[in-house]
C-alpha atoms as a PDB file:
ATOM      1  CA  MET A   1      52.140  29.216  -1.464  1.00  0.00           C
ATOM      2  CA  ASN A   2      50.198  27.450  -4.154  1.00  0.00           C
ATOM      3  CA  ILE A   3      47.982  24.475  -3.039  1.00  0.00           C
ATOM      4  CA  ILE A   4      45.828  21.996  -5.106  1.00  0.00           C
ATOM      5  CA  LEU A   5      42.837  20.480  -3.305  1.00  0.00           C
ATOM      6  CA  PHE A   6      41.916  17.318  -5.109  1.00  0.00           C
ATOM      7  CA  GLY A   7      38.986  15.023  -4.398  1.00  0.00           C
ATOM      8  CA  PRO A   8      35.595  13.826  -5.619  1.00  0.00           C
ATOM      9  CA  PRO A   9      32.456  16.373  -5.710  1.00  0.00           C
ATOM     10  CA  GLY A  10      31.242  16.888  -1.875  1.00  0.00           C
ATOM     11  CA  ALA A  11      34.668  15.883  -0.514  1.00  0.00           C
ATOM     12  CA  GLY A  12      35.062  19.234   1.208  1.00  0.00           C
ATOM     13  CA  LYS A  13      37.637  20.945  -1.114  1.00  0.00           C
ATOM     14  CA  GLY A  14      35.599  24.150  -1.127  1.00  0.00           C
ATOM     15  CA  THR A  15      35.303  24.405   2.559  1.00  0.00           C
ATOM     16  CA  GLN A  16      39.073  23.614   3.174  1.00  0.00           C
ATOM     17  CA  ALA A  17      39.905  26.230   0.413  1.00  0.00           C
ATOM     18  CA  LYS A  18      37.681  28.902   2.093  1.00  0.00           C
ATOM     19  CA  TYR A  19      39.758  28.416   5.174  1.00  0.00           C
ATOM     20  CA  LEU A  20      43.165  28.409   3.639  1.00  0.00           C
ATOM     21  CA  VAL A  21      42.291  31.583   1.660  1.00  0.00           C
ATOM     22  CA  LYS A  22      41.646  33.360   5.166  1.00  0.00           C
ATOM     23  CA  LYS A  23      44.779  31.569   6.737  1.00  0.00           C
ATOM     24  CA  LEU A  24      47.237  32.281   3.901  1.00  0.00           C
ATOM     25  CA  ASN A  25      45.691  35.503   2.595  1.00  0.00           C
ATOM     26  CA  ASN A  26      45.558  33.490  -0.847  1.00  0.00           C
ATOM     27  CA  PHE A  27      43.085  33.189  -3.624  1.00  0.00           C
ATOM     28  CA  GLN A  28      40.599  30.377  -4.078  1.00  0.00           C
ATOM     29  CA  VAL A  29      40.446  29.130  -7.730  1.00  0.00           C
ATOM     30  CA  SER A  30      37.350  26.939  -7.995  1.00  0.00           C
ATOM     31  CA  THR A  31      36.559  25.183 -11.170  1.00  0.00           C
ATOM     32  CA  GLY A  32      32.969  24.877 -10.084  1.00  0.00           C
ATOM     33  CA  ASP A  33      32.497  28.486  -9.155  1.00  0.00           C
ATOM     34  CA  LEU A  34      34.201  29.836 -12.437  1.00  0.00           C
ATOM     35  CA  LEU A  35      31.835  27.715 -14.428  1.00  0.00           C
ATOM     36  CA  ARG A  36      28.857  28.785 -12.432  1.00  0.00           C
ATOM     37  CA  ASP A  37      29.773  32.425 -12.985  1.00  0.00           C
ATOM     38  CA  GLU A  38      29.764  31.720 -16.823  1.00  0.00           C
ATOM     39  CA  ILE A  39      26.369  30.239 -16.595  1.00  0.00           C
ATOM     40  CA  LYS A  40      25.098  33.183 -14.666  1.00  0.00           C
ATOM     41  CA  LYS A  41      26.632  35.527 -17.214  1.00  0.00           C
ATOM     42  CA  GLU A  42      24.524  33.643 -19.685  1.00  0.00           C
ATOM     43  CA  SER A  43      27.510  33.653 -22.092  1.00  0.00           C
ATOM     44  CA  GLU A  44      27.948  31.295 -24.873  1.00  0.00           C
ATOM     45  CA  ILE A  45      30.621  29.286 -22.849  1.00  0.00           C
ATOM     46  CA  GLY A  46      28.116  29.170 -20.120  1.00  0.00           C
ATOM     47  CA  LYS A  47      25.621  27.564 -22.371  1.00  0.00           C
ATOM     48  CA  LYS A  48      27.994  25.036 -23.123  1.00  0.00           C
ATOM     49  CA  ILE A  49      28.750  24.617 -19.379  1.00  0.00           C
ATOM     50  CA  ILE A  50      25.222  23.776 -18.423  1.00  0.00           C
ATOM     51  CA  ASN A  51      25.017  21.015 -21.050  1.00  0.00           C
ATOM     52  CA  TYR A  52      27.942  19.131 -19.620  1.00  0.00           C
ATOM     53  CA  MET A  53      26.630  19.620 -16.020  1.00  0.00           C
ATOM     54  CA  ASN A  54      23.103  18.653 -16.709  1.00  0.00           C
ATOM     55  CA  GLU A  55      24.416  15.456 -18.217  1.00  0.00           C
ATOM     56  CA  GLY A  56      26.818  14.865 -15.010  1.00  0.00           C
ATOM     57  CA  LYS A  57      29.806  14.985 -17.286  1.00  0.00           C
ATOM     58  CA  PHE A  58      33.045  17.079 -16.919  1.00  0.00           C
ATOM     59  CA  VAL A  59      33.511  20.380 -18.868  1.00  0.00           C
ATOM     60  CA  ASP A  60      35.589  20.156 -21.900  1.00  0.00           C
ATOM     61  CA  ASP A  61      39.272  20.809 -21.021  1.00  0.00           C
ATOM     62  CA  ILE A  62      39.756  23.554 -23.511  1.00  0.00           C
ATOM     63  CA  ILE A  63      36.828  25.729 -21.798  1.00  0.00           C
ATOM     64  CA  VAL A  64      38.205  24.986 -18.340  1.00  0.00           C
ATOM     65  CA  ASN A  65      42.075  25.504 -19.314  1.00  0.00           C
ATOM     66  CA  ASN A  66      40.964  28.817 -20.993  1.00  0.00           C
ATOM     67  CA  LEU A  67      39.309  29.987 -17.649  1.00  0.00           C
ATOM     68  CA  MET A  68      42.291  28.814 -15.514  1.00  0.00           C
ATOM     69  CA  LYS A  69      45.169  30.254 -17.713  1.00  0.00           C
ATOM     70  CA  LYS A  70      44.023  33.772 -17.072  1.00  0.00           C
ATOM     71  CA  ILE A  71      43.999  33.299 -13.314  1.00  0.00           C
ATOM     72  CA  ILE A  72      47.453  31.616 -13.245  1.00  0.00           C
ATOM     73  CA  PHE A  73      49.097  34.628 -15.056  1.00  0.00           C
ATOM     74  CA  ASP A  74      47.502  37.227 -13.022  1.00  0.00           C
ATOM     75  CA  PRO A  75      50.546  38.942 -11.239  1.00  0.00           C
ATOM     76  CA  LYS A  76      48.355  39.694  -8.302  1.00  0.00           C
ATOM     77  CA  LYS A  77      47.705  36.064  -7.589  1.00  0.00           C
ATOM     78  CA  LYS A  78      51.073  34.868  -8.241  1.00  0.00           C
ATOM     79  CA  GLY A  79      52.169  32.031  -5.552  1.00  0.00           C
ATOM     80  CA  LYS A  80      48.798  32.851  -3.709  1.00  0.00           C
ATOM     81  CA  LEU A  81      46.343  30.064  -5.350  1.00  0.00           C
ATOM     82  CA  ILE A  82      44.458  27.566  -3.732  1.00  0.00           C
ATOM     83  CA  PHE A  83      43.239  25.170  -6.563  1.00  0.00           C
ATOM     84  CA  ASP A  84      39.817  23.777  -5.554  1.00  0.00           C
ATOM     85  CA  GLY A  85      38.605  21.142  -8.042  1.00  0.00           C
ATOM     86  CA  TYR A  86      41.443  21.686 -10.610  1.00  0.00           C
ATOM     87  CA  PRO A  87      43.060  19.808 -12.259  1.00  0.00           C
ATOM     88  CA  ARG A  88      40.735  17.012 -13.028  1.00  0.00           C
ATOM     89  CA  THR A  89      42.163  15.477 -16.208  1.00  0.00           C
ATOM     90  CA  LEU A  90      45.949  14.413 -16.876  1.00  0.00           C
ATOM     91  CA  ASP A  91      45.599  17.316 -19.778  1.00  0.00           C
ATOM     92  CA  GLN A  92      44.580  19.867 -17.222  1.00  0.00           C
ATOM     93  CA  ALA A  93      47.680  18.660 -14.915  1.00  0.00           C
ATOM     94  CA  ARG A  94      50.134  18.864 -17.628  1.00  0.00           C
ATOM     95  CA  ASN A  95      48.885  22.354 -18.521  1.00  0.00           C
ATOM     96  CA  LEU A  96      48.916  23.519 -14.908  1.00  0.00           C
ATOM     97  CA  ASP A  97      52.848  22.543 -14.848  1.00  0.00           C
ATOM     98  CA  THR A  98      53.450  24.339 -18.019  1.00  0.00           C
ATOM     99  CA  TRP A  99      51.740  27.500 -16.843  1.00  0.00           C
ATOM    100  CA  LEU A 100      53.232  27.282 -13.530  1.00  0.00           C
ATOM    101  CA  ASP A 101      56.780  26.819 -15.147  1.00  0.00           C
ATOM    102  CA  ASP A 102      56.135  29.721 -17.746  1.00  0.00           C
ATOM    103  CA  SER A 103      55.037  32.177 -14.833  1.00  0.00           C
ATOM    104  CA  ASN A 104      57.740  31.244 -12.361  1.00  0.00           C
ATOM    105  CA  GLN A 105      55.608  29.537  -9.720  1.00  0.00           C
ATOM    106  CA  LYS A 106      55.183  25.854  -8.413  1.00  0.00           C
ATOM    107  CA  ILE A 107      52.906  23.757  -6.450  1.00  0.00           C
ATOM    108  CA  ASP A 108      53.797  23.669  -2.769  1.00  0.00           C
ATOM    109  CA  HIS A 109      51.261  21.119  -1.480  1.00  0.00           C
ATOM    110  CA  ILE A 110      48.689  18.695  -2.949  1.00  0.00           C
ATOM    111  CA  PHE A 111      45.884  17.483  -0.724  1.00  0.00           C
ATOM    112  CA  PHE A 112      43.874  14.613  -1.790  1.00  0.00           C
ATOM    113  CA  LEU A 113      40.675  14.357   0.254  1.00  0.00           C
ATOM    114  CA  ASN A 114      39.801  10.856  -0.218  1.00  0.00           C
ATOM    115  CA  VAL A 115      36.013  10.117   0.415  1.00  0.00           C
ATOM    116  CA  ASN A 116      33.671   7.149  -0.284  1.00  0.00           C
ATOM    117  CA  LYS A 117      30.434   7.318  -2.230  1.00  0.00           C
ATOM    118  CA  ASP A 118      28.122   6.854   0.766  1.00  0.00           C
ATOM    119  CA  THR A 119      29.765   9.700   2.605  1.00  0.00           C
ATOM    120  CA  ILE A 120      29.348  11.967  -0.473  1.00  0.00           C
ATOM    121  CA  VAL A 121      25.787  11.217  -0.816  1.00  0.00           C
ATOM    122  CA  LYS A 122      24.948  12.164   2.802  1.00  0.00           C
ATOM    123  CA  ARG A 123      27.013  15.464   2.314  1.00  0.00           C
ATOM    124  CA  ILE A 124      25.347  16.268  -1.025  1.00  0.00           C
ATOM    125  CA  LYS A 125      21.796  16.006   0.435  1.00  0.00           C
ATOM    126  CA  LYS A 126      22.513  18.186   3.418  1.00  0.00           C
ATOM    127  CA  ARG A 127      24.322  20.815   1.301  1.00  0.00           C
ATOM    128  CA  LYS A 128      21.198  20.798  -1.227  1.00  0.00           C
ATOM    129  CA  ILE A 129      18.960  21.649   1.604  1.00  0.00           C
ATOM    130  CA  ILE A 130      21.389  24.240   3.175  1.00  0.00           C
ATOM    131  CA  GLU A 131      22.904  26.013   0.033  1.00  0.00           C
ATOM    132  CA  LYS A 132      20.100  25.142  -2.637  1.00  0.00           C
ATOM    133  CA  ARG A 133      22.828  24.549  -5.462  1.00  0.00           C
ATOM    134  CA  SER A 134      21.277  23.575  -8.621  1.00  0.00           C
ATOM    135  CA  ASP A 135      24.416  21.205  -9.419  1.00  0.00           C
ATOM    136  CA  ASP A 136      23.434  19.114  -6.351  1.00  0.00           C
ATOM    137  CA  GLU A 137      20.719  16.790  -7.831  1.00  0.00           C
ATOM    138  CA  LEU A 138      21.527  13.360  -6.444  1.00  0.00           C
ATOM    139  CA  ASP A 139      21.514  11.450  -9.609  1.00  0.00           C
ATOM    140  CA  ILE A 140      23.758  13.978 -11.369  1.00  0.00           C
ATOM    141  CA  ILE A 141      25.969  13.946  -8.249  1.00  0.00           C
ATOM    142  CA  LEU A 142      26.495  10.368  -8.299  1.00  0.00           C
ATOM    143  CA  LYS A 143      27.398  10.557 -12.316  1.00  0.00           C
ATOM    144  CA  ARG A 144      29.642  13.192 -11.216  1.00  0.00           C
ATOM    145  CA  TYR A 145      31.182  11.174  -8.696  1.00  0.00           C
ATOM    146  CA  ASP A 146      31.689   8.065 -11.196  1.00  0.00           C
ATOM    147  CA  THR A 147      33.220  10.283 -13.859  1.00  0.00           C
ATOM    148  CA  TYR A 148      35.369  11.935 -11.233  1.00  0.00           C
ATOM    149  CA  MET A 149      36.683   8.377 -10.046  1.00  0.00           C
ATOM    150  CA  ASP A 150      37.297   7.200 -13.557  1.00  0.00           C
ATOM    151  CA  THR A 151      38.716  10.483 -15.037  1.00  0.00           C
ATOM    152  CA  THR A 152      40.787  11.353 -12.140  1.00  0.00           C
ATOM    153  CA  LYS A 153      42.824   8.110 -11.508  1.00  0.00           C
ATOM    154  CA  PRO A 154      45.348   9.049 -14.108  1.00  0.00           C
ATOM    155  CA  VAL A 155      45.762  12.641 -12.258  1.00  0.00           C
ATOM    156  CA  LEU A 156      45.922  10.754  -8.886  1.00  0.00           C
ATOM    157  CA  ASN A 157      48.830   8.635 -10.255  1.00  0.00           C
ATOM    158  CA  TYR A 158      50.415  11.633 -11.709  1.00  0.00           C
ATOM    159  CA  TYR A 159      50.557  13.408  -8.357  1.00  0.00           C
ATOM    160  CA  SER A 160      50.693  10.519  -5.824  1.00  0.00           C
ATOM    161  CA  ASN A 161      54.451   9.906  -6.284  1.00  0.00           C
ATOM    162  CA  LYS A 162      55.478  13.598  -5.757  1.00  0.00           C
ATOM    163  CA  SER A 163      56.933  14.412  -2.400  1.00  0.00           C
ATOM    164  CA  ASN A 164      54.369  17.358  -1.846  1.00  0.00           C
ATOM    165  CA  PHE A 165      51.347  15.037  -2.153  1.00  0.00           C
ATOM    166  CA  ASN A 166      49.402  14.342   0.915  1.00  0.00           C
ATOM    167  CA  GLU A 167      46.123  11.737   1.096  1.00  0.00           C
ATOM    168  CA  ILE A 168      43.978  12.945   3.923  1.00  0.00           C
ATOM    169  CA  ASP A 169      40.712  10.969   4.805  1.00  0.00           C
ATOM    170  CA  GLY A 170      37.979  13.270   3.574  1.00  0.00           C
ATOM    171  CA  GLY A 171      35.516  11.386   5.649  1.00  0.00           C
ATOM    172  CA  LEU A 172      36.721  12.842   8.843  1.00  0.00           C
ATOM    173  CA  LYS A 173      35.065  15.826  10.236  1.00  0.00           C
ATOM    174  CA  ILE A 174      35.828  19.403   8.883  1.00  0.00           C
ATOM    175  CA  ALA A 175      37.869  20.458  11.846  1.00  0.00           C
ATOM    176  CA  GLU A 176      39.993  17.262  11.842  1.00  0.00           C
ATOM    177  CA  ILE A 177      40.805  17.569   8.029  1.00  0.00           C
ATOM    178  CA  THR A 178      41.743  21.376   8.754  1.00  0.00           C
ATOM    179  CA  ALA A 179      44.092  20.373  11.495  1.00  0.00           C
ATOM    180  CA  LYS A 180      45.601  17.639   9.352  1.00  0.00           C
ATOM    181  CA  ILE A 181      46.376  20.293   6.587  1.00  0.00           C
ATOM    182  CA  ASN A 182      47.623  22.725   9.019  1.00  0.00           C
ATOM    183  CA  GLY A 183      50.063  20.086  10.475  1.00  0.00           C
ATOM    184  CA  ILE A 184      51.306  19.379   6.976  1.00  0.00           C
ATOM    185  CA  LEU A 185      51.476  23.263   6.178  1.00  0.00           C
ATOM    186  CA  LYS A 186      52.980  23.990   9.654  1.00  0.00           C
ATOM    187  CA  VAL A 187      50.719  26.978  10.196  1.00  0.00           C
END
């Protein structure tokens, strides 16, 4: 089962993705994790990525798409992908559809975790203390949130009329969000 978890930074996509990976024996495909891995490797791509992140911008689609394509065509992961933070742009969504078609796969469920800015700020402050993530500076998060809302509106429109699209109140407690997802998945 391939699933997209969709929502602004701090919406809880990662938390729900980790749960679904264990529950379904799937693979988490986190844009953020892929980008952070490139930064840790100190690769040329990683250096470009850090510049985007420091400015609170989304990383260029070409970079993200190249990283994603390798995972989608990995035969060990076929039909077992939990997309966490991808796609974020209409170009990424269209590429994903093409790659899934080319690899004889589909998206079974799309979950949009809708969260307001105040809730995001509270969560990010808490996460920063607990996880000490370098991309959790409040001003950067607020830029990322605004960029997300602007950039992602076409993606939301692209997916929202599909029969497998589900909007969930991302301001709920973790267990409540998980229960709603489980109810839809019937697991």
